């Protein structure tokens, strides 16, 4: 009898959940690489975001229709308001600011800044719910931002003078996503994670398409086959699949273990950027990344 066939259902679920979390982390991490490659094909941020959302929205619309049969209670009016607000904030605005920031900074620094969202969630929750932040959490957050400072220092010489603008845009993207997470908790509890995500992504997709229609001519879509292929890969491998695989992983192994496995994301971005974008890879960058990863994991455990 093989080892795989001797596993009990719980062990198989755990292994499957770990695999889903790993693929989701790599898929999310590859997004920055695909965006950078698409920029080399002459695509601008607004057009690329619209293409990404247009190609992924059919999957989320189908999921939204499917969830109607899984939930007997309709979505309340106040929850529709939350879906609209959080979809615009957490997926549309966050993605748009991230795409803008990637024009100026490396993919590695972008992923590390995005990975700071647990620290921002702690700060926002403390401010909103008036909870004190303990010394262990503050120490962990200090590690995170010290690591970002090291990678930032490395990229000042490698990327150029516009790094401050790019980092600020990606930081604003992370803040927007953190605000979404803080606000989405109660709504997800009432609506359901998959149903909420599907509808929020549809809102973000609509906003991206409206922005494109208002600010770009239709001939902006006259792109190379490589650019369209990169947008399609981003829509499937870095948007649709990670969203659902992460949901499946959390269901099988819980959010703590899924978050721990997700910490491979920044490391995979650094490696992918080195291979596909020829970005520099230095000991300073590696040390900063280690500080960020360690700090985020400590913050997650403290929470």
Protein backbone atom coordinates (compact mmCIF):
# COMPACT_ATOMS: atom_id res chain seq x y z
CA UNK A 1 0.00 0.00 0.00
CA UNK A 2 1.36 3.43 -0.93
CA UNK A 3 1.85 6.22 1.55
CA UNK A 4 -0.85 8.37 -0.15
CA UNK A 5 -3.45 5.62 0.09
CA UNK A 6 -2.66 5.03 3.79
CA UNK A 7 -3.51 8.60 4.77
CA UNK A 8 -6.73 9.11 6.67
CA UNK A 9 -9.24 11.74 5.42
CA UNK A 10 -8.00 14.39 7.87
CA UNK A 11 -4.39 13.97 6.73
CA UNK A 12 -5.42 14.12 3.07
CA UNK A 13 -7.40 17.28 3.76
CA UNK A 14 -4.41 18.84 5.53
CA UNK A 15 -2.03 18.01 2.67
CA UNK A 16 -4.50 19.28 0.10
CA UNK A 17 -5.05 22.46 2.10
CA UNK A 18 -1.30 23.06 2.37
CA UNK A 19 -0.92 22.54 -1.39
CA UNK A 20 -3.77 24.96 -2.14
CA UNK A 21 -2.24 27.60 0.17
CA UNK A 22 1.17 27.20 -1.49
CA UNK A 23 -0.22 27.53 -5.04
CA UNK A 24 -2.29 30.55 -3.96
CA UNK A 25 0.78 32.25 -2.46
CA UNK A 26 2.83 31.71 -5.62
CA UNK A 27 -0.08 32.85 -7.79
CA UNK A 28 -0.52 36.09 -5.86
CA UNK A 29 3.25 36.65 -5.94
CA UNK A 30 3.46 36.16 -9.70
CA UNK A 31 1.09 39.08 -10.27
CA UNK A 32 3.83 41.68 -9.90
CA UNK A 33 6.03 39.80 -12.37
CA UNK A 34 3.23 39.65 -14.94
CA UNK A 35 2.45 43.36 -14.48
CA UNK A 36 6.10 44.29 -15.01
CA UNK A 37 6.32 42.13 -18.14
CA UNK A 38 3.10 43.66 -19.50
CA UNK A 39 4.47 47.16 -18.97
CA UNK A 40 7.37 46.22 -21.23
CA UNK A 41 4.77 45.57 -23.95
CA UNK A 42 3.54 49.17 -23.72
CA UNK A 43 0.37 48.59 -21.67
CA UNK A 44 -0.63 51.30 -19.17
CA UNK A 45 -1.95 50.63 -15.66
CA UNK A 46 -5.61 51.50 -16.37
CA UNK A 47 -5.82 49.30 -19.47
CA UNK A 48 -4.02 46.40 -17.83
CA UNK A 49 -6.25 46.51 -14.74
CA UNK A 50 -9.38 46.64 -16.92
CA UNK A 51 -8.20 43.64 -18.94
CA UNK A 52 -7.38 41.68 -15.80
CA UNK A 53 -10.80 42.30 -14.29
CA UNK A 54 -12.73 41.82 -17.54
CA UNK A 55 -11.14 38.41 -18.08
CA UNK A 56 -11.71 37.28 -14.49
CA UNK A 57 -15.22 38.66 -13.86
CA UNK A 58 -17.06 35.79 -15.70
CA UNK A 59 -15.69 33.36 -13.11
CA UNK A 60 -16.84 35.52 -10.22
CA UNK A 61 -20.25 36.09 -11.82
CA UNK A 62 -20.69 32.33 -12.21
CA UNK A 63 -19.68 31.87 -8.58
CA UNK A 64 -22.17 34.51 -7.46
CA UNK A 65 -24.95 32.67 -9.33
CA UNK A 66 -23.87 29.36 -7.82
CA UNK A 67 -23.92 30.75 -4.28
CA UNK A 68 -27.55 31.80 -4.72
CA UNK A 69 -28.46 28.13 -4.52
CA UNK A 70 -26.27 27.58 -1.47
CA UNK A 71 -27.82 30.33 0.69
CA UNK A 72 -31.50 30.47 1.47
CA UNK A 73 -31.45 34.02 2.83
CA UNK A 74 -31.03 36.91 0.36
CA UNK A 75 -28.35 39.53 0.92
CA UNK A 76 -29.69 42.36 3.09
CA UNK A 77 -29.72 45.93 1.81
CA UNK A 78 -27.09 47.09 4.31
CA UNK A 79 -24.83 44.24 3.21
CA UNK A 80 -25.18 45.29 -0.41
CA UNK A 81 -23.91 48.70 0.68
CA UNK A 82 -20.92 47.06 2.37
CA UNK A 83 -20.21 44.94 -0.70
CA UNK A 84 -20.22 48.08 -2.86
CA UNK A 85 -18.00 50.07 -0.50
CA UNK A 86 -15.55 47.30 0.33
CA UNK A 87 -15.38 46.05 -3.25
CA UNK A 88 -14.34 49.52 -4.37
CA UNK A 89 -11.88 49.94 -1.51
CA UNK A 90 -10.42 46.48 -1.10
CA UNK A 91 -10.13 45.27 -4.68
CA UNK A 92 -10.50 48.15 -7.13
CA UNK A 93 -8.64 50.98 -5.35
CA UNK A 94 -6.05 48.69 -3.82
CA UNK A 95 -5.30 47.05 -7.19
CA UNK A 96 -5.18 50.35 -9.05
CA UNK A 97 -2.72 51.92 -6.59
CA UNK A 98 -0.62 48.75 -6.69
CA UNK A 99 -0.47 48.76 -10.49
CA UNK A 100 0.55 52.43 -10.46
CA UNK A 101 3.27 51.77 -7.89
CA UNK A 102 4.75 48.92 -9.91
CA UNK A 103 5.70 51.45 -12.58
CA UNK A 104 8.36 52.84 -10.22
CA UNK A 105 9.59 50.11 -7.88
CA UNK A 106 10.84 46.55 -8.12
CA UNK A 107 8.50 43.59 -7.88
CA UNK A 108 10.36 42.38 -4.79
CA UNK A 109 9.85 45.61 -2.84
CA UNK A 110 6.21 45.77 -3.94
CA UNK A 111 5.45 42.30 -2.57
CA UNK A 112 7.17 43.04 0.75
CA UNK A 113 5.20 46.27 1.21
CA UNK A 114 1.95 44.45 0.42
CA UNK A 115 2.95 41.78 2.93
CA UNK A 116 2.77 44.42 5.68
CA UNK A 117 -1.03 44.30 5.71
CA UNK A 118 -1.26 42.33 9.01
CA UNK A 119 0.63 45.11 10.80
CA UNK A 120 -1.70 47.75 9.35
CA UNK A 121 -4.72 45.65 10.29
CA UNK A 122 -3.48 45.56 13.89
CA UNK A 123 -3.06 49.34 13.94
CA UNK A 124 -6.45 50.00 12.33
CA UNK A 125 -8.23 47.56 14.65
CA UNK A 126 -6.56 49.14 17.67
CA UNK A 127 -7.71 52.60 16.57
CA UNK A 128 -11.23 51.50 15.63
CA UNK A 129 -11.94 49.30 18.64
CA UNK A 130 -9.70 51.23 21.08
CA UNK A 131 -7.59 48.22 21.89
CA UNK A 132 -4.07 48.71 23.26
CA UNK A 133 -1.20 47.25 21.24
CA UNK A 134 1.10 45.11 23.36
CA UNK A 135 4.85 45.34 23.40
CA UNK A 136 5.35 42.03 21.52
CA UNK A 137 3.21 43.27 18.63
CA UNK A 138 5.02 46.61 18.55
CA UNK A 139 8.40 44.84 18.51
CA UNK A 140 7.25 42.58 15.66
CA UNK A 141 6.04 45.57 13.65
CA UNK A 142 9.38 47.32 14.24
CA UNK A 143 11.09 44.30 12.68
CA UNK A 144 8.80 44.53 9.64
CA UNK A 145 9.47 48.18 8.96
CA UNK A 146 13.19 47.81 9.58
CA UNK A 147 13.20 45.11 6.91
CA UNK A 148 11.34 47.37 4.47
CA UNK A 149 13.89 50.12 5.15
CA UNK A 150 16.74 47.76 4.20
CA UNK A 151 15.10 46.65 0.94
CA UNK A 152 14.17 50.28 0.20
CA UNK A 153 17.81 51.30 0.69
CA UNK A 154 18.89 48.54 -1.69
CA UNK A 155 16.37 49.62 -4.34
CA UNK A 156 17.29 53.34 -4.18
CA UNK A 157 20.46 52.55 -6.08
CA UNK A 158 19.03 49.78 -8.26
CA UNK A 159 15.70 51.32 -9.36
CA UNK A 160 16.16 55.09 -9.31
CA UNK A 161 14.80 58.30 -7.84
CA UNK A 162 11.09 57.57 -8.31
CA UNK A 163 11.18 54.74 -5.80
CA UNK A 164 9.66 56.97 -3.09
CA UNK A 165 6.57 57.62 -5.23
CA UNK A 166 6.19 53.95 -6.09
CA UNK A 167 6.61 52.83 -2.48
CA UNK A 168 4.05 55.42 -1.33
CA UNK A 169 1.51 54.19 -3.91
CA UNK A 170 1.96 50.54 -2.92
CA UNK A 171 1.83 51.47 0.77
CA UNK A 172 -1.48 53.25 0.10
CA UNK A 173 -2.64 50.11 -1.70
CA UNK A 174 -1.78 48.01 1.35
CA UNK A 175 -3.57 50.46 3.64
CA UNK A 176 -6.67 50.32 1.44
CA UNK A 177 -6.65 46.52 1.55
CA UNK A 178 -6.15 46.53 5.33
CA UNK A 179 -9.16 48.82 5.75
CA UNK A 180 -11.13 46.37 3.64
CA UNK A 181 -10.10 43.47 5.89
CA UNK A 182 -11.11 45.34 9.03
CA UNK A 183 -14.50 46.24 7.57
CA UNK A 184 -15.20 42.92 5.87
CA UNK A 185 -15.14 40.70 8.95
CA UNK A 186 -18.74 41.14 10.07
CA UNK A 187 -20.08 41.20 6.50
CA UNK A 188 -18.36 37.93 5.65
CA UNK A 189 -19.79 36.35 8.80
CA UNK A 190 -23.31 37.22 7.65
CA UNK A 191 -22.95 36.71 3.90
CA UNK A 192 -20.40 33.92 3.60
CA UNK A 193 -16.80 34.23 2.40
CA UNK A 194 -17.23 32.91 -1.14
CA UNK A 195 -20.45 34.82 -1.82
CA UNK A 196 -19.02 38.05 -0.42
CA UNK A 197 -15.77 37.71 -2.40
CA UNK A 198 -17.56 36.96 -5.67
CA UNK A 199 -19.81 40.02 -5.39
CA UNK A 200 -17.02 42.32 -4.20
CA UNK A 201 -14.85 41.26 -7.14
CA UNK A 202 -17.74 42.01 -9.52
CA UNK A 203 -17.98 45.52 -8.06
CA UNK A 204 -14.24 46.02 -8.52
CA UNK A 205 -14.44 44.73 -12.07
CA UNK A 206 -17.25 47.13 -12.93
CA UNK A 207 -15.28 50.06 -11.49
CA UNK A 208 -12.18 49.12 -13.48
CA UNK A 209 -14.15 48.88 -16.73
CA UNK A 210 -15.91 52.21 -16.09
CA UNK A 211 -12.55 53.87 -15.43
CA UNK A 212 -11.18 52.49 -18.69
CA UNK A 213 -14.25 53.59 -20.67
CA UNK A 214 -14.02 57.14 -19.29
CA UNK A 215 -10.27 57.64 -19.62
CA UNK A 216 -9.04 55.53 -22.54
CA UNK A 217 -9.97 55.17 -26.23
CA UNK A 218 -11.03 51.75 -27.45
CA UNK A 219 -7.92 51.45 -29.60
CA UNK A 220 -5.94 51.18 -26.36
CA UNK A 221 -6.97 47.51 -26.51
CA UNK A 222 -5.01 47.04 -29.75
CA UNK A 223 -2.24 45.21 -27.94
CA UNK A 224 0.27 42.56 -28.86
CA UNK A 225 -0.61 38.91 -28.43
CA UNK A 226 2.02 38.67 -25.70
CA UNK A 227 0.41 41.52 -23.75
CA UNK A 228 -3.02 39.90 -24.01
CA UNK A 229 -1.56 36.57 -22.95
CA UNK A 230 0.05 38.15 -19.89
CA UNK A 231 -3.27 39.79 -18.94
CA UNK A 232 -5.07 36.47 -19.33
CA UNK A 233 -2.48 34.64 -17.25
CA UNK A 234 -2.80 37.31 -14.56
CA UNK A 235 -6.60 37.01 -14.55
CA UNK A 236 -6.57 33.23 -14.12
CA UNK A 237 -3.37 32.33 -12.28
CA UNK A 238 -2.94 35.49 -10.17
CA UNK A 239 -6.59 36.46 -9.53
CA UNK A 240 -9.24 33.76 -9.86
CA UNK A 241 -7.33 30.66 -8.78
CA UNK A 242 -5.55 32.19 -5.74
CA UNK A 243 -8.78 33.72 -4.40
CA UNK A 244 -10.62 30.41 -4.40
CA UNK A 245 -7.65 28.17 -3.55
CA UNK A 246 -6.92 30.28 -0.47
CA UNK A 247 -10.55 29.96 0.59
CA UNK A 248 -10.36 26.18 0.17
CA UNK A 249 -7.06 26.07 2.07
CA UNK A 250 -8.43 28.04 5.02
CA UNK A 251 -11.41 25.68 5.17
CA UNK A 252 -9.08 22.66 5.42
CA UNK A 253 -6.15 23.84 7.55
CA UNK A 254 -7.39 27.06 9.17
CA UNK A 255 -6.27 30.68 8.68
CA UNK A 256 -3.17 30.40 10.88
CA UNK A 257 -1.50 27.62 8.90
CA UNK A 258 -2.65 29.11 5.60
CA UNK A 259 -1.07 32.42 6.60
CA UNK A 260 2.16 30.66 7.59
CA UNK A 261 2.39 28.93 4.19
CA UNK A 262 1.52 32.23 2.51
CA UNK A 263 4.73 33.71 3.90
CA UNK A 264 6.59 32.05 1.01
CA UNK A 265 4.98 34.70 -1.23
CA UNK A 266 7.62 37.46 -0.92
CA UNK A 267 10.43 34.92 -1.29
CA UNK A 268 8.88 33.48 -4.44
CA UNK A 269 8.46 37.02 -5.84
CA UNK A 270 12.15 37.74 -5.28
CA UNK A 271 13.13 34.52 -7.06
CA UNK A 272 10.68 35.06 -9.94
CA UNK A 273 11.83 38.67 -10.34
CA UNK A 274 15.45 37.50 -10.49
CA UNK A 275 14.63 34.91 -13.18
CA UNK A 276 12.12 36.77 -15.36
CA UNK A 277 12.91 40.46 -14.74
CA UNK A 278 16.65 40.24 -14.06
CA UNK A 279 16.18 42.20 -10.83
CA UNK A 280 19.15 42.38 -8.48
CA UNK A 281 19.40 39.90 -5.62
CA UNK A 282 21.67 40.97 -2.75
CA UNK A 283 22.37 40.02 0.86
CA UNK A 284 20.88 43.35 1.97
CA UNK A 285 17.66 42.50 0.18
CA UNK A 286 17.65 38.98 1.62
CA UNK A 287 18.20 40.31 5.15
CA UNK A 288 15.41 42.87 4.82
CA UNK A 289 13.05 40.22 3.49
CA UNK A 290 13.86 37.94 6.44
CA UNK A 291 13.06 40.75 8.89
CA UNK A 292 9.72 41.46 7.18
CA UNK A 293 8.74 37.78 7.09
CA UNK A 294 9.73 37.23 10.70
CA UNK A 295 7.92 40.33 11.89
CA UNK A 296 4.71 39.50 10.05
CA UNK A 297 4.70 35.95 11.39
CA UNK A 298 5.21 37.28 14.94
CA UNK A 299 2.40 39.81 14.50
CA UNK A 300 0.10 37.04 13.26
CA UNK A 301 0.92 34.86 16.29
CA UNK A 302 0.44 37.74 18.72
CA UNK A 303 -2.97 38.50 17.20
